[in-house]
N, C-alpha and C. Protein backbone atom coordinates (compact mmCIF):
# COMPACT_ATOMS: atom_id res chain seq x y z
N MET A 1 100.80 110.63 122.83
CA MET A 1 101.52 111.01 121.63
C MET A 1 102.53 109.93 121.32
N ALA A 2 103.21 109.40 122.30
CA ALA A 2 104.18 108.37 122.14
C ALA A 2 103.58 107.11 121.40
N ASP A 3 102.33 106.79 121.83
CA ASP A 3 101.59 105.71 121.25
C ASP A 3 101.35 105.85 119.82
N THR A 4 101.00 107.11 119.44
CA THR A 4 100.73 107.41 118.06
C THR A 4 102.03 107.25 117.18
N SER A 5 103.15 107.72 117.83
CA SER A 5 104.45 107.64 117.12
C SER A 5 104.82 106.16 116.85
N LYS A 6 104.57 105.37 117.96
CA LYS A 6 104.89 103.91 117.84
C LYS A 6 104.06 103.27 116.78
N ARG A 7 102.72 103.58 116.81
CA ARG A 7 101.83 103.01 115.85
C ARG A 7 102.23 103.40 114.40
N ALA A 8 102.51 104.68 114.22
CA ALA A 8 102.96 105.21 112.87
C ALA A 8 104.24 104.48 112.44
N ALA A 9 105.21 104.29 113.33
CA ALA A 9 106.44 103.59 113.03
C ALA A 9 106.15 102.11 112.63
N LYS A 10 105.32 101.46 113.27
CA LYS A 10 104.96 100.09 113.00
C LYS A 10 104.29 99.98 111.65
N LEU A 11 103.35 100.90 111.36
CA LEU A 11 102.74 101.02 110.00
C LEU A 11 103.72 101.31 108.93
N ALA A 12 104.65 102.18 109.22
CA ALA A 12 105.68 102.54 108.16
C ALA A 12 106.54 101.29 107.87
N ARG A 13 106.87 100.46 108.91
CA ARG A 13 107.59 99.22 108.65
C ARG A 13 106.81 98.31 107.77
N GLU A 14 105.53 98.16 108.02
CA GLU A 14 104.67 97.21 107.21
C GLU A 14 104.49 97.83 105.77
N ILE A 15 104.39 99.11 105.60
CA ILE A 15 104.38 99.69 104.25
C ILE A 15 105.66 99.47 103.50
N THR A 16 106.76 99.66 104.17
CA THR A 16 108.02 99.48 103.56
C THR A 16 108.23 97.97 103.16
N ALA A 17 107.82 97.06 104.04
CA ALA A 17 107.92 95.65 103.66
C ALA A 17 106.99 95.33 102.50
N PHE A 18 105.82 95.84 102.45
CA PHE A 18 104.93 95.61 101.29
C PHE A 18 105.55 96.16 100.03
N ALA A 19 106.12 97.32 100.07
CA ALA A 19 106.82 97.92 98.86
C ALA A 19 107.99 97.10 98.38
N GLN A 20 108.82 96.56 99.36
CA GLN A 20 109.87 95.71 98.96
C GLN A 20 109.49 94.39 98.43
N GLU A 21 108.38 93.81 98.92
CA GLU A 21 107.91 92.52 98.35
C GLU A 21 107.17 92.72 97.02
N HIS A 22 106.74 93.92 96.65
CA HIS A 22 105.93 94.10 95.51
C HIS A 22 106.63 95.11 94.51
N GLY A 23 107.83 94.79 94.11
CA GLY A 23 108.47 95.58 93.02
C GLY A 23 109.43 96.59 93.58
N GLY A 24 109.56 96.82 94.88
CA GLY A 24 110.47 97.77 95.32
C GLY A 24 110.01 99.11 95.63
N SER A 25 108.75 99.38 95.29
CA SER A 25 108.07 100.68 95.61
C SER A 25 106.62 100.47 95.66
N ALA A 26 105.94 101.46 96.22
CA ALA A 26 104.48 101.48 96.33
C ALA A 26 104.05 102.91 96.35
N GLU A 27 102.67 103.06 96.15
CA GLU A 27 102.10 104.29 96.36
C GLU A 27 100.84 104.05 97.11
N GLY A 28 100.34 105.11 97.80
CA GLY A 28 99.11 104.83 98.55
C GLY A 28 98.07 105.98 98.47
N GLN A 29 96.99 105.68 99.13
CA GLN A 29 95.87 106.66 99.27
C GLN A 29 95.29 106.43 100.68
N ILE A 30 95.06 107.52 101.32
CA ILE A 30 94.56 107.50 102.72
C ILE A 30 93.04 107.95 102.67
N ALA A 31 92.14 107.12 103.29
CA ALA A 31 90.74 107.42 103.33
C ALA A 31 90.27 107.37 104.74
N TYR A 32 89.66 108.44 105.12
CA TYR A 32 89.00 108.48 106.55
C TYR A 32 87.81 107.60 106.56
N VAL A 33 87.78 106.70 107.52
CA VAL A 33 86.61 105.78 107.59
C VAL A 33 85.83 105.90 108.94
N GLY A 34 85.78 107.13 109.46
CA GLY A 34 84.99 107.49 110.66
C GLY A 34 85.76 107.07 111.92
N GLN A 35 85.01 106.65 112.96
CA GLN A 35 85.66 106.40 114.24
C GLN A 35 86.60 105.29 114.16
N THR A 36 86.54 104.41 113.17
CA THR A 36 87.44 103.38 113.07
C THR A 36 88.84 103.88 112.73
N GLY A 37 89.01 104.99 112.07
CA GLY A 37 90.24 105.57 111.81
C GLY A 37 90.47 105.83 110.32
N ALA A 38 91.54 105.39 109.80
CA ALA A 38 91.82 105.66 108.33
C ALA A 38 92.38 104.39 107.64
N ARG A 39 92.02 104.29 106.44
CA ARG A 39 92.46 103.13 105.60
C ARG A 39 93.61 103.58 104.69
N ILE A 40 94.65 102.86 104.70
CA ILE A 40 95.78 103.15 103.83
C ILE A 40 95.82 102.09 102.72
N VAL A 41 95.39 102.46 101.51
CA VAL A 41 95.37 101.56 100.42
C VAL A 41 96.74 101.67 99.72
N LEU A 42 97.42 100.53 99.49
CA LEU A 42 98.74 100.49 98.81
C LEU A 42 98.62 99.70 97.52
N VAL A 43 99.41 100.23 96.54
CA VAL A 43 99.50 99.58 95.36
C VAL A 43 101.04 99.44 94.97
N GLY A 44 101.52 98.26 94.90
CA GLY A 44 102.97 97.96 94.71
C GLY A 44 103.21 98.20 93.26
N ALA A 45 104.54 98.35 92.97
CA ALA A 45 105.07 98.52 91.59
C ALA A 45 104.65 97.45 90.67
N ASP A 46 104.45 96.23 91.23
CA ASP A 46 104.06 95.04 90.44
C ASP A 46 102.52 95.02 90.30
N GLY A 47 101.73 95.94 90.81
CA GLY A 47 100.32 95.95 90.64
C GLY A 47 99.55 95.22 91.72
N VAL A 48 100.17 94.61 92.69
CA VAL A 48 99.59 93.93 93.82
C VAL A 48 99.08 95.09 94.77
N TRP A 49 97.90 94.91 95.32
CA TRP A 49 97.32 95.93 96.19
C TRP A 49 97.06 95.30 97.56
N GLY A 50 97.05 96.16 98.54
CA GLY A 50 96.72 95.76 99.94
C GLY A 50 96.26 97.01 100.72
N ASP A 51 95.91 96.76 101.97
CA ASP A 51 95.61 97.86 102.78
C ASP A 51 95.86 97.62 104.22
N LEU A 52 96.01 98.76 104.94
CA LEU A 52 96.28 98.72 106.37
C LEU A 52 95.26 99.72 107.05
N MET A 53 95.01 99.52 108.31
CA MET A 53 94.21 100.43 109.09
C MET A 53 95.09 101.17 110.04
N ALA A 54 94.84 102.48 110.16
CA ALA A 54 95.51 103.34 111.12
C ALA A 54 94.44 103.87 112.02
N PRO A 55 94.75 104.21 113.24
CA PRO A 55 93.75 104.69 114.20
C PRO A 55 93.28 106.17 113.90
N SER A 56 94.04 106.83 113.00
CA SER A 56 93.63 108.14 112.59
C SER A 56 94.27 108.57 111.31
N VAL A 57 93.75 109.61 110.63
CA VAL A 57 94.35 110.07 109.44
C VAL A 57 95.77 110.61 109.73
N GLU A 58 95.95 111.34 110.81
CA GLU A 58 97.21 111.83 111.17
C GLU A 58 98.29 110.76 111.28
N THR A 59 97.84 109.65 111.95
CA THR A 59 98.85 108.53 112.12
C THR A 59 99.06 107.93 110.76
N ALA A 60 98.14 107.80 109.88
CA ALA A 60 98.35 107.32 108.55
C ALA A 60 99.32 108.19 107.72
N LYS A 61 99.15 109.52 107.89
CA LYS A 61 100.02 110.42 107.18
C LYS A 61 101.45 110.27 107.68
N GLN A 62 101.65 110.22 108.95
CA GLN A 62 102.99 110.02 109.55
C GLN A 62 103.59 108.72 109.01
N ALA A 63 102.82 107.67 108.94
CA ALA A 63 103.32 106.38 108.55
C ALA A 63 103.82 106.35 107.07
N THR A 64 102.95 106.98 106.22
CA THR A 64 103.29 107.01 104.81
C THR A 64 104.54 107.97 104.55
N GLU A 65 104.64 109.02 105.37
CA GLU A 65 105.82 109.88 105.20
C GLU A 65 107.05 109.17 105.72
N GLN A 66 106.92 108.47 106.79
CA GLN A 66 108.12 107.65 107.30
C GLN A 66 108.54 106.58 106.32
N ALA A 67 107.62 106.01 105.63
CA ALA A 67 107.87 104.93 104.65
C ALA A 67 108.38 105.50 103.36
N GLY A 68 108.18 106.78 103.20
CA GLY A 68 108.71 107.45 101.96
C GLY A 68 107.95 107.09 100.65
N ILE A 69 106.59 106.75 100.78
CA ILE A 69 105.88 106.47 99.57
C ILE A 69 105.07 107.70 99.12
N THR A 70 104.71 107.67 97.84
CA THR A 70 103.86 108.79 97.34
C THR A 70 102.48 108.42 97.66
N VAL A 71 101.81 109.56 98.18
CA VAL A 71 100.35 109.41 98.59
C VAL A 71 99.53 110.23 97.59
N GLN A 72 98.51 109.51 97.01
CA GLN A 72 97.66 110.19 96.07
C GLN A 72 96.44 110.84 96.80
N GLU A 73 95.86 111.82 96.30
CA GLU A 73 94.74 112.46 96.91
C GLU A 73 93.50 111.54 96.88
N SER A 74 93.37 110.84 95.76
CA SER A 74 92.24 109.90 95.63
C SER A 74 92.64 108.72 94.92
N PHE A 75 91.81 107.62 95.03
CA PHE A 75 92.04 106.40 94.32
C PHE A 75 91.34 106.55 92.96
N ASP A 76 91.97 107.31 92.04
CA ASP A 76 91.39 107.75 90.77
C ASP A 76 91.69 106.66 89.72
N GLY A 77 91.34 106.96 88.54
CA GLY A 77 91.59 106.07 87.39
C GLY A 77 93.04 105.77 87.14
N ALA A 78 93.96 106.79 87.32
CA ALA A 78 95.39 106.56 87.12
C ALA A 78 95.96 105.55 88.09
N MET A 79 95.48 105.65 89.37
CA MET A 79 95.98 104.69 90.34
C MET A 79 95.29 103.37 90.15
N ALA A 80 94.08 103.30 89.83
CA ALA A 80 93.37 102.07 89.62
C ALA A 80 93.96 101.30 88.40
N GLU A 81 94.41 102.00 87.46
CA GLU A 81 95.00 101.33 86.24
C GLU A 81 96.26 100.46 86.65
N LYS A 82 96.94 100.82 87.78
CA LYS A 82 98.11 100.13 88.11
C LYS A 82 97.86 98.85 88.79
N VAL A 83 96.61 98.66 89.30
CA VAL A 83 96.23 97.48 90.09
C VAL A 83 96.05 96.32 89.07
N LYS A 84 96.59 95.22 89.44
CA LYS A 84 96.46 93.99 88.67
C LYS A 84 95.49 93.03 89.51
N THR A 85 94.40 92.67 88.82
CA THR A 85 93.40 91.77 89.50
C THR A 85 93.47 90.42 88.89
N GLY A 86 93.19 89.48 89.69
CA GLY A 86 93.14 88.07 89.24
C GLY A 86 91.76 87.45 89.28
N PRO A 87 91.59 86.12 89.07
CA PRO A 87 90.30 85.58 89.06
C PRO A 87 89.51 85.75 90.41
N TYR A 88 90.27 85.65 91.51
CA TYR A 88 89.65 85.82 92.78
C TYR A 88 88.89 87.16 92.88
N GLU A 89 89.61 88.29 92.56
CA GLU A 89 88.95 89.62 92.69
C GLU A 89 87.77 89.74 91.70
N TRP A 90 88.01 89.22 90.45
CA TRP A 90 86.88 89.33 89.46
C TRP A 90 85.66 88.59 90.01
N SER A 91 85.87 87.38 90.50
CA SER A 91 84.68 86.66 91.06
C SER A 91 84.02 87.32 92.22
N ARG A 92 84.80 87.88 93.05
CA ARG A 92 84.24 88.62 94.23
C ARG A 92 83.52 89.91 93.68
N MET A 93 84.07 90.57 92.74
CA MET A 93 83.36 91.78 92.28
C MET A 93 82.10 91.40 91.51
N ALA A 94 82.19 90.36 90.75
CA ALA A 94 80.95 89.94 90.00
C ALA A 94 79.92 89.39 90.97
N GLY A 95 80.44 88.73 92.03
CA GLY A 95 79.52 88.18 93.00
C GLY A 95 78.77 89.24 93.82
N ILE A 96 79.48 90.33 94.09
CA ILE A 96 78.86 91.53 94.83
C ILE A 96 77.71 92.08 93.92
N GLN A 97 78.09 92.24 92.57
CA GLN A 97 77.11 92.85 91.73
C GLN A 97 75.94 91.92 91.47
N LEU A 98 76.12 90.70 91.52
CA LEU A 98 75.07 89.80 91.26
C LEU A 98 74.35 89.22 92.53
N GLY A 99 74.73 89.76 93.67
CA GLY A 99 74.10 89.30 94.91
C GLY A 99 74.90 88.35 95.78
N GLY A 100 76.14 88.16 95.44
CA GLY A 100 77.00 87.33 96.26
C GLY A 100 77.45 86.11 95.50
N PRO A 101 78.39 85.32 96.10
CA PRO A 101 78.90 84.13 95.44
C PRO A 101 77.80 83.09 95.27
N PRO A 102 77.85 82.22 94.25
CA PRO A 102 76.86 81.19 94.16
C PRO A 102 76.79 80.21 95.38
N GLU A 103 75.68 79.73 95.70
CA GLU A 103 75.58 78.80 96.79
C GLU A 103 76.09 77.39 96.27
N LYS A 104 76.69 76.67 97.12
CA LYS A 104 77.18 75.39 96.87
C LYS A 104 76.32 74.33 97.36
């Protein structure tokens, strides 16, 4: 139990630091990813996004609560609208759709 609390506290500090670096606030979404644990997707007020992995959904929930961010049920259109993407993301997305990045 103590290890879960420590991990949640560490994640909460990372979430808080992300929010401070990206416009002063952030919102998140927690996704169960099987035995690996849970993914916390974060979107900062400035539109930058990032993610963290937690060992469980419960730990992810504790961390987001401690960080005081809003957690959305799903990464829906309203949340996706807030994400700002740049050339890197567009090339990666297009590359995935077209079979990967061009060979050099």
